[in-house]
């Protein structure tokens, strides 16, 4: 009985390897791309993530140059972090802008304004093909 189990496993393995040789015309590649659960056309992670033209330093410089600090009262904080999400489309444009976490409403409005007129990004790629990718971006506000 002990000899029967290894023989069965060996025969199963040999049978499997012979079948794959017969089907050698089909090549399946693993992808590192992950789609969003609720949307088959938008990815959460891809081989080449979208990038702001010029990289992260250029993104921070663009935000610093274009931000308009809202007028706030003494009761409101002068520092805030707004977590936004948006989709970088295949053409690099931005859509579906949303605030998903924030502690300060005036800064939420400014974040939406900034993202609404942000320049196009370099789009993401999955297996070499341009795809739509969701990005989460924290934007920090602080007065010196």
C-alpha atoms as a PDB file:
ATOM      1  CA  UNK A   1       0.000   0.000   0.000  1.00  0.00           C
ATOM      2  CA  UNK A   2       2.871   2.402   0.849  1.00  0.00           C
ATOM      3  CA  UNK A   3       4.373   1.758  -2.591  1.00  0.00           C
ATOM      4  CA  UNK A   4       1.048   2.306  -4.346  1.00  0.00           C
ATOM      5  CA  UNK A   5       0.681   5.973  -3.313  1.00  0.00           C
ATOM      6  CA  UNK A   6       4.089   7.151  -4.661  1.00  0.00           C
ATOM      7  CA  UNK A   7       3.509   5.206  -7.884  1.00  0.00           C
ATOM      8  CA  UNK A   8       0.113   6.848  -8.318  1.00  0.00           C
ATOM      9  CA  UNK A   9       1.651  10.306  -7.759  1.00  0.00           C
ATOM     10  CA  UNK A  10       4.460   9.564 -10.226  1.00  0.00           C
ATOM     11  CA  UNK A  11       2.014   8.322 -12.874  1.00  0.00           C
ATOM     12  CA  UNK A  12      -0.204  11.403 -12.333  1.00  0.00           C
ATOM     13  CA  UNK A  13       2.787  13.733 -12.699  1.00  0.00           C
ATOM     14  CA  UNK A  14       4.003  11.982 -15.859  1.00  0.00           C
ATOM     15  CA  UNK A  15       0.525  12.105 -17.342  1.00  0.00           C
ATOM     16  CA  UNK A  16       0.277  15.836 -16.584  1.00  0.00           C
ATOM     17  CA  UNK A  17       3.675  16.620 -18.115  1.00  0.00           C
ATOM     18  CA  UNK A  18       2.784  14.715 -21.285  1.00  0.00           C
ATOM     19  CA  UNK A  19      -0.474  16.624 -21.626  1.00  0.00           C
ATOM     20  CA  UNK A  20       1.246  20.002 -21.327  1.00  0.00           C
ATOM     21  CA  UNK A  21       3.628  19.032 -24.128  1.00  0.00           C
ATOM     22  CA  UNK A  22       0.643  18.292 -26.371  1.00  0.00           C
ATOM     23  CA  UNK A  23      -0.784  21.750 -25.652  1.00  0.00           C
ATOM     24  CA  UNK A  24       2.521  23.548 -26.129  1.00  0.00           C
ATOM     25  CA  UNK A  25       1.002  26.156 -28.460  1.00  0.00           C
ATOM     26  CA  UNK A  26      -0.662  28.060 -25.594  1.00  0.00           C
ATOM     27  CA  UNK A  27       1.539  30.230 -23.408  1.00  0.00           C
ATOM     28  CA  UNK A  28       0.063  31.648 -20.237  1.00  0.00           C
ATOM     29  CA  UNK A  29       1.957  34.483 -18.588  1.00  0.00           C
ATOM     30  CA  UNK A  30       1.383  35.550 -15.026  1.00  0.00           C
ATOM     31  CA  UNK A  31       0.445  39.183 -14.599  1.00  0.00           C
ATOM     32  CA  UNK A  32       1.329  41.414 -11.680  1.00  0.00           C
ATOM     33  CA  UNK A  33      -1.707  43.587 -12.427  1.00  0.00           C
ATOM     34  CA  UNK A  34      -4.579  43.732  -9.950  1.00  0.00           C
ATOM     35  CA  UNK A  35      -8.038  44.945 -10.943  1.00  0.00           C
ATOM     36  CA  UNK A  36     -10.408  46.711  -8.575  1.00  0.00           C
ATOM     37  CA  UNK A  37     -13.026  44.312  -7.245  1.00  0.00           C
ATOM     38  CA  UNK A  38     -15.987  46.408  -8.328  1.00  0.00           C
ATOM     39  CA  UNK A  39     -14.687  47.497 -11.749  1.00  0.00           C
ATOM     40  CA  UNK A  40     -13.149  45.215 -14.361  1.00  0.00           C
ATOM     41  CA  UNK A  41     -11.722  48.088 -16.415  1.00  0.00           C
ATOM     42  CA  UNK A  42      -9.853  49.924 -13.616  1.00  0.00           C
ATOM     43  CA  UNK A  43      -6.726  48.559 -11.984  1.00  0.00           C
ATOM     44  CA  UNK A  44      -5.449  49.097  -8.454  1.00  0.00           C
ATOM     45  CA  UNK A  45      -1.891  47.969  -9.229  1.00  0.00           C
ATOM     46  CA  UNK A  46      -0.074  47.497 -12.534  1.00  0.00           C
ATOM     47  CA  UNK A  47       3.411  46.666 -13.803  1.00  0.00           C
ATOM     48  CA  UNK A  48       4.112  50.333 -14.549  1.00  0.00           C
ATOM     49  CA  UNK A  49       2.120  52.650 -12.291  1.00  0.00           C
ATOM     50  CA  UNK A  50       0.977  56.047 -13.603  1.00  0.00           C
ATOM     51  CA  UNK A  51       3.397  58.867 -12.924  1.00  0.00           C
ATOM     52  CA  UNK A  52       3.119  62.627 -12.758  1.00  0.00           C
ATOM     53  CA  UNK A  53       5.266  64.049 -15.572  1.00  0.00           C
ATOM     54  CA  UNK A  54       8.656  64.716 -14.026  1.00  0.00           C
ATOM     55  CA  UNK A  55       8.114  62.408 -11.069  1.00  0.00           C
ATOM     56  CA  UNK A  56       7.213  62.907  -7.428  1.00  0.00           C
ATOM     57  CA  UNK A  57       9.357  66.027  -6.977  1.00  0.00           C
ATOM     58  CA  UNK A  58       7.576  67.692  -9.908  1.00  0.00           C
ATOM     59  CA  UNK A  59       4.205  66.722  -8.424  1.00  0.00           C
ATOM     60  CA  UNK A  60       5.083  68.316  -5.081  1.00  0.00           C
ATOM     61  CA  UNK A  61       6.387  71.436  -6.838  1.00  0.00           C
ATOM     62  CA  UNK A  62       3.225  71.689  -8.962  1.00  0.00           C
ATOM     63  CA  UNK A  63       0.970  71.368  -5.898  1.00  0.00           C
ATOM     64  CA  UNK A  64       3.020  73.974  -3.965  1.00  0.00           C
ATOM     65  CA  UNK A  65       2.883  76.399  -6.887  1.00  0.00           C
ATOM     66  CA  UNK A  66      -0.847  76.015  -7.520  1.00  0.00           C
ATOM     67  CA  UNK A  67      -2.347  75.615  -4.057  1.00  0.00           C
ATOM     68  CA  UNK A  68      -4.564  78.400  -2.772  1.00  0.00           C
ATOM     69  CA  UNK A  69      -4.914  78.199   0.990  1.00  0.00           C
ATOM     70  CA  UNK A  70      -8.504  78.711   2.056  1.00  0.00           C
ATOM     71  CA  UNK A  71      -9.346  81.501   4.463  1.00  0.00           C
ATOM     72  CA  UNK A  72      -9.765  79.833   7.818  1.00  0.00           C
ATOM     73  CA  UNK A  73     -10.976  81.013  11.176  1.00  0.00           C
ATOM     74  CA  UNK A  74      -8.973  80.892  14.376  1.00  0.00           C
ATOM     75  CA  UNK A  75     -10.932  77.795  15.425  1.00  0.00           C
ATOM     76  CA  UNK A  76      -9.861  75.859  12.358  1.00  0.00           C
ATOM     77  CA  UNK A  77      -6.497  74.184  12.085  1.00  0.00           C
ATOM     78  CA  UNK A  78      -3.840  75.513   9.715  1.00  0.00           C
ATOM     79  CA  UNK A  79      -2.609  71.974   9.034  1.00  0.00           C
ATOM     80  CA  UNK A  80      -4.466  69.171   7.352  1.00  0.00           C
ATOM     81  CA  UNK A  81      -3.959  66.048   5.288  1.00  0.00           C
ATOM     82  CA  UNK A  82      -6.573  65.218   2.683  1.00  0.00           C
ATOM     83  CA  UNK A  83      -6.595  61.747   1.190  1.00  0.00           C
ATOM     84  CA  UNK A  84      -7.956  61.772  -2.339  1.00  0.00           C
ATOM     85  CA  UNK A  85      -8.367  59.152  -5.010  1.00  0.00           C
ATOM     86  CA  UNK A  86      -8.708  59.466  -8.756  1.00  0.00           C
ATOM     87  CA  UNK A  87      -8.342  57.369 -11.877  1.00  0.00           C
ATOM     88  CA  UNK A  88      -5.556  58.038 -14.357  1.00  0.00           C
ATOM     89  CA  UNK A  89      -7.092  57.073 -17.687  1.00  0.00           C
ATOM     90  CA  UNK A  90      -5.287  55.484 -20.632  1.00  0.00           C
ATOM     91  CA  UNK A  91      -4.777  58.934 -22.178  1.00  0.00           C
ATOM     92  CA  UNK A  92      -3.227  60.304 -18.947  1.00  0.00           C
ATOM     93  CA  UNK A  93      -6.197  62.444 -17.996  1.00  0.00           C
ATOM     94  CA  UNK A  94      -7.701  62.305 -14.508  1.00  0.00           C
ATOM     95  CA  UNK A  95     -11.279  61.299 -13.691  1.00  0.00           C
ATOM     96  CA  UNK A  96     -13.446  60.069 -10.820  1.00  0.00           C
ATOM     97  CA  UNK A  97     -11.885  62.382  -8.206  1.00  0.00           C
ATOM     98  CA  UNK A  98     -13.012  61.604  -4.647  1.00  0.00           C
ATOM     99  CA  UNK A  99     -12.044  62.548  -1.115  1.00  0.00           C
ATOM    100  CA  UNK A 100     -11.956  59.430   1.025  1.00  0.00           C
ATOM    101  CA  UNK A 101     -10.482  60.764   4.259  1.00  0.00           C
ATOM    102  CA  UNK A 102     -10.106  64.254   5.609  1.00  0.00           C
ATOM    103  CA  UNK A 103     -10.298  66.224   8.814  1.00  0.00           C
ATOM    104  CA  UNK A 104     -10.928  69.682   7.389  1.00  0.00           C
ATOM    105  CA  UNK A 105     -13.605  70.772   4.912  1.00  0.00           C
ATOM    106  CA  UNK A 106     -11.932  73.942   3.485  1.00  0.00           C
ATOM    107  CA  UNK A 107      -8.905  71.860   2.535  1.00  0.00           C
ATOM    108  CA  UNK A 108     -11.133  69.222   0.906  1.00  0.00           C
ATOM    109  CA  UNK A 109     -12.505  71.840  -1.485  1.00  0.00           C
ATOM    110  CA  UNK A 110      -8.989  73.003  -2.350  1.00  0.00           C
ATOM    111  CA  UNK A 111      -7.864  69.421  -2.962  1.00  0.00           C
ATOM    112  CA  UNK A 112     -10.773  68.881  -5.365  1.00  0.00           C
ATOM    113  CA  UNK A 113      -9.933  72.149  -7.146  1.00  0.00           C
ATOM    114  CA  UNK A 114      -6.255  71.183  -7.497  1.00  0.00           C
ATOM    115  CA  UNK A 115      -6.982  67.712  -8.823  1.00  0.00           C
ATOM    116  CA  UNK A 116      -9.649  69.022 -11.177  1.00  0.00           C
ATOM    117  CA  UNK A 117      -7.134  71.064 -13.162  1.00  0.00           C
ATOM    118  CA  UNK A 118      -4.033  68.920 -12.614  1.00  0.00           C
ATOM    119  CA  UNK A 119      -2.114  68.252 -15.849  1.00  0.00           C
ATOM    120  CA  UNK A 120      -2.181  64.852 -17.506  1.00  0.00           C
ATOM    121  CA  UNK A 121      -0.076  62.046 -16.073  1.00  0.00           C
ATOM    122  CA  UNK A 122       1.953  59.360 -17.815  1.00  0.00           C
ATOM    123  CA  UNK A 123      -0.605  56.511 -17.878  1.00  0.00           C
ATOM    124  CA  UNK A 124      -0.109  53.097 -16.311  1.00  0.00           C
ATOM    125  CA  UNK A 125       0.644  49.899 -18.206  1.00  0.00           C
ATOM    126  CA  UNK A 126      -0.266  46.272 -17.651  1.00  0.00           C
ATOM    127  CA  UNK A 127       1.778  43.830 -19.734  1.00  0.00           C
ATOM    128  CA  UNK A 128       2.749  46.728 -22.007  1.00  0.00           C
ATOM    129  CA  UNK A 129      -0.845  47.852 -22.625  1.00  0.00           C
ATOM    130  CA  UNK A 130      -2.154  51.238 -21.455  1.00  0.00           C
ATOM    131  CA  UNK A 131      -4.819  50.819 -18.754  1.00  0.00           C
ATOM    132  CA  UNK A 132      -6.910  52.910 -16.348  1.00  0.00           C
ATOM    133  CA  UNK A 133      -5.424  52.936 -12.819  1.00  0.00           C
ATOM    134  CA  UNK A 134      -6.819  54.221  -9.532  1.00  0.00           C
ATOM    135  CA  UNK A 135      -4.411  56.346  -7.508  1.00  0.00           C
ATOM    136  CA  UNK A 136      -4.628  57.285  -3.826  1.00  0.00           C
ATOM    137  CA  UNK A 137      -2.852  60.539  -3.083  1.00  0.00           C
ATOM    138  CA  UNK A 138      -2.436  62.272   0.285  1.00  0.00           C
ATOM    139  CA  UNK A 139      -2.129  66.045   0.038  1.00  0.00           C
ATOM    140  CA  UNK A 140      -0.686  67.786   3.088  1.00  0.00           C
ATOM    141  CA  UNK A 141      -1.470  71.387   3.876  1.00  0.00           C
ATOM    142  CA  UNK A 142       0.445  73.430   6.405  1.00  0.00           C
ATOM    143  CA  UNK A 143       1.013  77.114   7.029  1.00  0.00           C
ATOM    144  CA  UNK A 144       4.428  78.269   8.182  1.00  0.00           C
END
